[in-house]
Amino acid sequence: MSTKKILIIGIQGALAKITAELLIKDNPDIQIYGVDSRSIDNIPKRPHLNVQQIRYNRTSFEKLFREHQFEVVLHLGRL
């Protein structure tokens, strides 16, 4: 089985962090990509979690979706 890729938008938020932790705990073959427009300095390092600070604009998200084929997208960011 291939590794599942999940994008979490708004990874800096408390709900997004909890969600990522639970997904990693329950799914050892998962790869989570977390993005946020806010600083990502205090997000704990995890083997299955890649975080990136990006601007919420069309260009940034087009690039992200071109580079990865996400099976699930969770929008937990603020608008």
PDB file of N, CA and C in Angstrom:
ATOM      1  N   MET A   1       0.849  -1.185   0.000  1.00  0.00           N
ATOM      2  CA  MET A   1       0.000   0.000   0.000  1.00  0.00           C
ATOM      3  C   MET A   1       0.889   1.241   0.000  1.00  0.00           C
ATOM      4  N   SER A   2       0.501   2.250  -0.756  1.00  0.00           N
ATOM      5  CA  SER A   2       1.294   3.466  -0.845  1.00  0.00           C
ATOM      6  C   SER A   2       1.012   4.388   0.338  1.00  0.00           C
ATOM      7  N   THR A   3       1.936   5.292   0.558  1.00  0.00           N
ATOM      8  CA  THR A   3       1.795   6.258   1.636  1.00  0.00           C
ATOM      9  C   THR A   3       0.708   7.257   1.282  1.00  0.00           C
ATOM     10  N   LYS A   4      -0.196   7.493   2.204  1.00  0.00           N
ATOM     11  CA  LYS A   4      -1.269   8.459   1.976  1.00  0.00           C
ATOM     12  C   LYS A   4      -0.771   9.855   2.318  1.00  0.00           C
ATOM     13  N   LYS A   5      -1.105  10.805   1.472  1.00  0.00           N
ATOM     14  CA  LYS A   5      -0.711  12.192   1.688  1.00  0.00           C
ATOM     15  C   LYS A   5      -1.926  13.019   2.067  1.00  0.00           C
ATOM     16  N   ILE A   6      -1.777  13.750   3.171  1.00  0.00           N
ATOM     17  CA  ILE A   6      -2.847  14.617   3.652  1.00  0.00           C
ATOM     18  C   ILE A   6      -2.306  16.022   3.795  1.00  0.00           C
ATOM     19  N   LEU A   7      -3.061  16.987   3.321  1.00  0.00           N
ATOM     20  CA  LEU A   7      -2.713  18.401   3.495  1.00  0.00           C
ATOM     21  C   LEU A   7      -3.604  18.980   4.586  1.00  0.00           C
ATOM     22  N   ILE A   8      -2.963  19.612   5.571  1.00  0.00           N
ATOM     23  CA  ILE A   8      -3.708  20.323   6.608  1.00  0.00           C
ATOM     24  C   ILE A   8      -3.390  21.809   6.473  1.00  0.00           C
ATOM     25  N   ILE A   9      -4.398  22.582   6.133  1.00  0.00           N
ATOM     26  CA  ILE A   9      -4.254  24.027   6.005  1.00  0.00           C
ATOM     27  C   ILE A   9      -4.585  24.641   7.363  1.00  0.00           C
ATOM     28  N   GLY A  10      -3.672  25.475   7.877  1.00  0.00           N
ATOM     29  CA  GLY A  10      -3.862  26.085   9.192  1.00  0.00           C
ATOM     30  C   GLY A  10      -3.226  25.267  10.294  1.00  0.00           C
ATOM     31  N   ILE A  11      -2.087  24.643  10.008  1.00  0.00           N
ATOM     32  CA  ILE A  11      -1.429  23.715  10.929  1.00  0.00           C
ATOM     33  C   ILE A  11      -1.003  24.372  12.242  1.00  0.00           C
ATOM     34  N   GLN A  12      -0.932  25.671  12.295  1.00  0.00           N
ATOM     35  CA  GLN A  12      -0.537  26.371  13.516  1.00  0.00           C
ATOM     36  C   GLN A  12      -1.641  26.362  14.580  1.00  0.00           C
ATOM     37  N   GLY A  13      -2.859  26.152  14.183  1.00  0.00           N
ATOM     38  CA  GLY A  13      -3.976  26.172  15.126  1.00  0.00           C
ATOM     39  C   GLY A  13      -4.011  24.939  16.018  1.00  0.00           C
ATOM     40  N   ALA A  14      -4.632  25.096  17.171  1.00  0.00           N
ATOM     41  CA  ALA A  14      -4.703  24.010  18.153  1.00  0.00           C
ATOM     42  C   ALA A  14      -5.443  22.794  17.602  1.00  0.00           C
ATOM     43  N   LEU A  15      -6.580  23.002  16.945  1.00  0.00           N
ATOM     44  CA  LEU A  15      -7.345  21.884  16.392  1.00  0.00           C
ATOM     45  C   LEU A  15      -6.541  21.146  15.320  1.00  0.00           C
ATOM     46  N   ALA A  16      -5.822  21.868  14.493  1.00  0.00           N
ATOM     47  CA  ALA A  16      -5.007  21.253  13.444  1.00  0.00           C
ATOM     48  C   ALA A  16      -3.873  20.427  14.038  1.00  0.00           C
ATOM     49  N   LYS A  17      -3.239  20.925  15.086  1.00  0.00           N
ATOM     50  CA  LYS A  17      -2.155  20.169  15.742  1.00  0.00           C
ATOM     51  C   LYS A  17      -2.681  18.885  16.358  1.00  0.00           C
ATOM     52  N   ILE A  18      -3.817  18.954  17.019  1.00  0.00           N
ATOM     53  CA  ILE A  18      -4.425  17.768  17.622  1.00  0.00           C
ATOM     54  C   ILE A  18      -4.797  16.759  16.533  1.00  0.00           C
ATOM     55  N   THR A  19      -5.386  17.260  15.462  1.00  0.00           N
ATOM     56  CA  THR A  19      -5.784  16.397  14.348  1.00  0.00           C
ATOM     57  C   THR A  19      -4.571  15.690  13.752  1.00  0.00           C
ATOM     58  N   ALA A  20      -3.490  16.419  13.527  1.00  0.00           N
ATOM     59  CA  ALA A  20      -2.270  15.835  12.968  1.00  0.00           C
ATOM     60  C   ALA A  20      -1.714  14.752  13.890  1.00  0.00           C
ATOM     61  N   GLU A  21      -1.665  15.026  15.190  1.00  0.00           N
ATOM     62  CA  GLU A  21      -1.155  14.049  16.157  1.00  0.00           C
ATOM     63  C   GLU A  21      -1.987  12.766  16.134  1.00  0.00           C
ATOM     64  N   LEU A  22      -3.294  12.901  16.107  1.00  0.00           N
ATOM     65  CA  LEU A  22      -4.171  11.728  16.089  1.00  0.00           C
ATOM     66  C   LEU A  22      -4.029  10.936  14.791  1.00  0.00           C
ATOM     67  N   LEU A  23      -3.915  11.636  13.680  1.00  0.00           N
ATOM     68  CA  LEU A  23      -3.741  10.952  12.398  1.00  0.00           C
ATOM     69  C   LEU A  23      -2.423  10.177  12.361  1.00  0.00           C
ATOM     70  N   ILE A  24      -1.364  10.775  12.847  1.00  0.00           N
ATOM     71  CA  ILE A  24      -0.056  10.114  12.866  1.00  0.00           C
ATOM     72  C   ILE A  24      -0.096   8.902  13.791  1.00  0.00           C
ATOM     73  N   LYS A  25      -0.721   9.064  14.935  1.00  0.00           N
ATOM     74  CA  LYS A  25      -0.803   7.978  15.919  1.00  0.00           C
ATOM     75  C   LYS A  25      -1.563   6.770  15.362  1.00  0.00           C
ATOM     76  N   ASP A  26      -2.660   7.019  14.672  1.00  0.00           N
ATOM     77  CA  ASP A  26      -3.517   5.938  14.181  1.00  0.00           C
ATOM     78  C   ASP A  26      -3.146   5.396  12.810  1.00  0.00           C
ATOM     79  N   ASN A  27      -2.271   6.094  12.076  1.00  0.00           N
ATOM     80  CA  ASN A  27      -1.932   5.699  10.706  1.00  0.00           C
ATOM     81  C   ASN A  27      -0.424   5.770  10.477  1.00  0.00           C
ATOM     82  N   PRO A  28       0.289   4.657  10.690  1.00  0.00           N
ATOM     83  CA  PRO A  28       1.747   4.689  10.555  1.00  0.00           C
ATOM     84  C   PRO A  28       2.246   4.922   9.127  1.00  0.00           C
ATOM     85  N   ASP A  29       1.386   4.720   8.129  1.00  0.00           N
ATOM     86  CA  ASP A  29       1.803   4.887   6.733  1.00  0.00           C
ATOM     87  C   ASP A  29       1.373   6.225   6.143  1.00  0.00           C
ATOM     88  N   ILE A  30       1.148   7.211   6.994  1.00  0.00           N
ATOM     89  CA  ILE A  30       0.619   8.503   6.559  1.00  0.00           C
ATOM     90  C   ILE A  30       1.752   9.534   6.394  1.00  0.00           C
ATOM     91  N   GLN A  31       1.555  10.479   5.502  1.00  0.00           N
ATOM     92  CA  GLN A  31       2.471  11.609   5.348  1.00  0.00           C
ATOM     93  C   GLN A  31       1.619  12.866   5.362  1.00  0.00           C
ATOM     94  N   ILE A  32       1.829  13.719   6.372  1.00  0.00           N
ATOM     95  CA  ILE A  32       1.036  14.939   6.511  1.00  0.00           C
ATOM     96  C   ILE A  32       1.878  16.143   6.120  1.00  0.00           C
ATOM     97  N   TYR A  33       1.292  16.995   5.306  1.00  0.00           N
ATOM     98  CA  TYR A  33       1.887  18.269   4.925  1.00  0.00           C
ATOM     99  C   TYR A  33       1.033  19.356   5.552  1.00  0.00           C
ATOM    100  N   GLY A  34       1.617  20.119   6.454  1.00  0.00           N
ATOM    101  CA  GLY A  34       0.894  21.186   7.124  1.00  0.00           C
ATOM    102  C   GLY A  34       1.379  22.538   6.641  1.00  0.00           C
ATOM    103  N   VAL A  35       0.458  23.405   6.302  1.00  0.00           N
ATOM    104  CA  VAL A  35       0.817  24.754   5.857  1.00  0.00           C
ATOM    105  C   VAL A  35       0.049  25.771   6.682  1.00  0.00           C
ATOM    106  N   ASP A  36       0.655  26.940   6.833  1.00  0.00           N
ATOM    107  CA  ASP A  36       0.017  28.035   7.553  1.00  0.00           C
ATOM    108  C   ASP A  36       0.661  29.331   7.110  1.00  0.00           C
ATOM    109  N   SER A  37      -0.098  30.406   7.192  1.00  0.00           N
ATOM    110  CA  SER A  37       0.462  31.720   6.865  1.00  0.00           C
ATOM    111  C   SER A  37       1.172  32.308   8.076  1.00  0.00           C
ATOM    112  N   ARG A  38       0.880  31.767   9.252  1.00  0.00           N
ATOM    113  CA  ARG A  38       1.528  32.225  10.486  1.00  0.00           C
ATOM    114  C   ARG A  38       2.854  31.501  10.684  1.00  0.00           C
ATOM    115  N   SER A  39       3.644  31.960  11.629  1.00  0.00           N
ATOM    116  CA  SER A  39       4.931  31.341  11.929  1.00  0.00           C
ATOM    117  C   SER A  39       4.746  29.886  12.352  1.00  0.00           C
ATOM    118  N   ILE A  40       5.626  29.023  11.890  1.00  0.00           N
ATOM    119  CA  ILE A  40       5.538  27.602  12.217  1.00  0.00           C
ATOM    120  C   ILE A  40       6.660  27.158  13.155  1.00  0.00           C
ATOM    121  N   ASP A  41       7.292  28.112  13.829  1.00  0.00           N
ATOM    122  CA  ASP A  41       8.450  27.817  14.664  1.00  0.00           C
ATOM    123  C   ASP A  41       8.156  26.901  15.844  1.00  0.00           C
ATOM    124  N   ASN A  42       6.968  26.963  16.408  1.00  0.00           N
ATOM    125  CA  ASN A  42       6.705  26.179  17.617  1.00  0.00           C
ATOM    126  C   ASN A  42       5.928  24.888  17.355  1.00  0.00           C
ATOM    127  N   ILE A  43       5.902  24.420  16.131  1.00  0.00           N
ATOM    128  CA  ILE A  43       5.242  23.149  15.823  1.00  0.00           C
ATOM    129  C   ILE A  43       6.251  22.027  16.062  1.00  0.00           C
ATOM    130  N   PRO A  44       5.890  21.044  16.889  1.00  0.00           N
ATOM    131  CA  PRO A  44       6.828  19.959  17.202  1.00  0.00           C
ATOM    132  C   PRO A  44       7.222  19.166  15.961  1.00  0.00           C
ATOM    133  N   LYS A  45       8.461  18.725  15.922  1.00  0.00           N
ATOM    134  CA  LYS A  45       8.961  17.919  14.806  1.00  0.00           C
ATOM    135  C   LYS A  45       8.437  16.490  14.948  1.00  0.00           C
ATOM    136  N   ARG A  46       7.914  15.961  13.876  1.00  0.00           N
ATOM    137  CA  ARG A  46       7.416  14.592  13.829  1.00  0.00           C
ATOM    138  C   ARG A  46       7.905  13.952  12.528  1.00  0.00           C
ATOM    139  N   PRO A  47       8.209  12.647  12.561  1.00  0.00           N
ATOM    140  CA  PRO A  47       8.706  11.978  11.346  1.00  0.00           C
ATOM    141  C   PRO A  47       7.743  12.042  10.164  1.00  0.00           C
ATOM    142  N   HIS A  48       6.453  12.035  10.416  1.00  0.00           N
ATOM    143  CA  HIS A  48       5.476  12.000   9.326  1.00  0.00           C
ATOM    144  C   HIS A  48       4.816  13.358   9.071  1.00  0.00           C
ATOM    145  N   LEU A  49       5.394  14.420   9.609  1.00  0.00           N
ATOM    146  CA  LEU A  49       4.799  15.748   9.478  1.00  0.00           C
ATOM    147  C   LEU A  49       5.796  16.726   8.870  1.00  0.00           C
ATOM    148  N   ASN A  50       5.442  17.257   7.711  1.00  0.00           N
ATOM    149  CA  ASN A  50       6.235  18.292   7.048  1.00  0.00           C
ATOM    150  C   ASN A  50       5.440  19.584   7.122  1.00  0.00           C
ATOM    151  N   VAL A  51       6.052  20.627   7.663  1.00  0.00           N
ATOM    152  CA  VAL A  51       5.342  21.903   7.780  1.00  0.00           C
ATOM    153  C   VAL A  51       6.031  22.971   6.946  1.00  0.00           C
ATOM    154  N   GLN A  52       5.240  23.910   6.489  1.00  0.00           N
ATOM    155  CA  GLN A  52       5.754  24.979   5.634  1.00  0.00           C
ATOM    156  C   GLN A  52       4.922  26.226   5.854  1.00  0.00           C
ATOM    157  N   GLN A  53       5.587  27.349   5.969  1.00  0.00           N
ATOM    158  CA  GLN A  53       4.884  28.629   6.053  1.00  0.00           C
ATOM    159  C   GLN A  53       4.725  29.162   4.640  1.00  0.00           C
ATOM    160  N   ILE A  54       3.487  29.406   4.244  1.00  0.00           N
ATOM    161  CA  ILE A  54       3.223  29.933   2.903  1.00  0.00           C
ATOM    162  C   ILE A  54       2.208  31.064   2.990  1.00  0.00           C
ATOM    163  N   ARG A  55       2.171  31.840   1.949  1.00  0.00           N
ATOM    164  CA  ARG A  55       1.112  32.856   1.839  1.00  0.00           C
ATOM    165  C   ARG A  55      -0.114  32.170   1.272  1.00  0.00           C
ATOM    166  N   TYR A  56      -1.261  32.545   1.778  1.00  0.00           N
ATOM    167  CA  TYR A  56      -2.503  31.967   1.272  1.00  0.00           C
ATOM    168  C   TYR A  56      -2.901  32.708  -0.001  1.00  0.00           C
ATOM    169  N   ASN A  57      -2.330  32.275  -1.103  1.00  0.00           N
ATOM    170  CA  ASN A  57      -2.705  32.844  -2.394  1.00  0.00           C
ATOM    171  C   ASN A  57      -2.703  31.739  -3.452  1.00  0.00           C
ATOM    172  N   ARG A  58      -3.216  32.063  -4.585  1.00  0.00           N
ATOM    173  CA  ARG A  58      -3.379  31.070  -5.650  1.00  0.00           C
ATOM    174  C   ARG A  58      -2.045  30.457  -6.074  1.00  0.00           C
ATOM    175  N   THR A  59      -1.032  31.275  -6.244  1.00  0.00           N
ATOM    176  CA  THR A  59       0.269  30.796  -6.702  1.00  0.00           C
ATOM    177  C   THR A  59       0.860  29.772  -5.738  1.00  0.00           C
ATOM    178  N   SER A  60       0.810  30.057  -4.452  1.00  0.00           N
ATOM    179  CA  SER A  60       1.368  29.147  -3.446  1.00  0.00           C
ATOM    180  C   SER A  60       0.650  27.806  -3.445  1.00  0.00           C
ATOM    181  N   PHE A  61      -0.667  27.845  -3.509  1.00  0.00           N
ATOM    182  CA  PHE A  61      -1.433  26.600  -3.482  1.00  0.00           C
ATOM    183  C   PHE A  61      -1.319  25.834  -4.797  1.00  0.00           C
ATOM    184  N   GLU A  62      -1.221  26.528  -5.925  1.00  0.00           N
ATOM    185  CA  GLU A  62      -1.014  25.835  -7.196  1.00  0.00           C
ATOM    186  C   GLU A  62       0.300  25.071  -7.174  1.00  0.00           C
ATOM    187  N   LYS A  63       1.337  25.705  -6.663  1.00  0.00           N
ATOM    188  CA  LYS A  63       2.647  25.056  -6.565  1.00  0.00           C
ATOM    189  C   LYS A  63       2.573  23.828  -5.661  1.00  0.00           C
ATOM    190  N   LEU A  64       1.921  23.975  -4.523  1.00  0.00           N
ATOM    191  CA  LEU A  64       1.785  22.885  -3.563  1.00  0.00           C
ATOM    192  C   LEU A  64       1.049  21.692  -4.187  1.00  0.00           C
ATOM    193  N   PHE A  65      -0.026  21.951  -4.892  1.00  0.00           N
ATOM    194  CA  PHE A  65      -0.803  20.873  -5.500  1.00  0.00           C
ATOM    195  C   PHE A  65      -0.110  20.276  -6.723  1.00  0.00           C
ATOM    196  N   ARG A  66       0.739  21.042  -7.397  1.00  0.00           N
ATOM    197  CA  ARG A  66       1.530  20.487  -8.497  1.00  0.00           C
ATOM    198  C   ARG A  66       2.587  19.525  -7.978  1.00  0.00           C
ATOM    199  N   GLU A  67       3.184  19.849  -6.820  1.00  0.00           N
ATOM    200  CA  GLU A  67       4.274  19.037  -6.266  1.00  0.00           C
ATOM    201  C   GLU A  67       3.790  17.775  -5.554  1.00  0.00           C
ATOM    202  N   HIS A  68       2.566  17.766  -5.077  1.00  0.00           N
ATOM    203  CA  HIS A  68       2.064  16.638  -4.296  1.00  0.00           C
ATOM    204  C   HIS A  68       0.679  16.230  -4.789  1.00  0.00           C
ATOM    205  N   GLN A  69       0.388  14.972  -4.640  1.00  0.00           N
ATOM    206  CA  GLN A  69      -0.945  14.466  -4.971  1.00  0.00           C
ATOM    207  C   GLN A  69      -1.619  14.075  -3.656  1.00  0.00           C
ATOM    208  N   PHE A  70      -2.349  15.010  -3.086  1.00  0.00           N
ATOM    209  CA  PHE A  70      -3.008  14.785  -1.807  1.00  0.00           C
ATOM    210  C   PHE A  70      -4.269  13.962  -1.994  1.00  0.00           C
ATOM    211  N   GLU A  71      -4.466  13.041  -1.068  1.00  0.00           N
ATOM    212  CA  GLU A  71      -5.700  12.255  -1.076  1.00  0.00           C
ATOM    213  C   GLU A  71      -6.779  12.922  -0.234  1.00  0.00           C
ATOM    214  N   VAL A  72      -6.344  13.714   0.748  1.00  0.00           N
ATOM    215  CA  VAL A  72      -7.268  14.400   1.631  1.00  0.00           C
ATOM    216  C   VAL A  72      -6.745  15.809   1.886  1.00  0.00           C
ATOM    217  N   VAL A  73      -7.648  16.777   1.924  1.00  0.00           N
ATOM    218  CA  VAL A  73      -7.306  18.156   2.284  1.00  0.00           C
ATOM    219  C   VAL A  73      -8.228  18.575   3.424  1.00  0.00           C
ATOM    220  N   LEU A  74      -7.615  19.002   4.541  1.00  0.00           N
ATOM    221  CA  LEU A  74      -8.368  19.500   5.694  1.00  0.00           C
ATOM    222  C   LEU A  74      -8.091  20.983   5.845  1.00  0.00           C
ATOM    223  N   HIS A  75      -9.110  21.793   5.739  1.00  0.00           N
ATOM    224  CA  HIS A  75      -8.938  23.242   5.908  1.00  0.00           C
ATOM    225  C   HIS A  75      -9.337  23.593   7.323  1.00  0.00           C
ATOM    226  N   LEU A  76      -8.339  23.778   8.186  1.00  0.00           N
ATOM    227  CA  LEU A  76      -8.574  24.131   9.583  1.00  0.00           C
ATOM    228  C   LEU A  76      -8.002  25.506   9.885  1.00  0.00           C
ATOM    229  N   GLY A  77      -7.738  26.273   8.846  1.00  0.00           N
ATOM    230  CA  GLY A  77      -7.190  27.617   9.004  1.00  0.00           C
ATOM    231  C   GLY A  77      -8.286  28.654   9.105  1.00  0.00           C
ATOM    232  N   ARG A  78      -7.870  29.813   9.509  1.00  0.00           N
ATOM    233  CA  ARG A  78      -8.831  30.922   9.597  1.00  0.00           C
ATOM    234  C   ARG A  78      -8.873  31.631   8.241  1.00  0.00           C
ATOM    235  N   LEU A  79      -9.985  32.241   7.973  1.00  0.00           N
ATOM    236  CA  LEU A  79     -10.155  32.941   6.690  1.00  0.00           C
ATOM    237  C   LEU A  79      -9.923  34.409   6.837  1.00  0.00           C
TER     238      LEU A  79
END
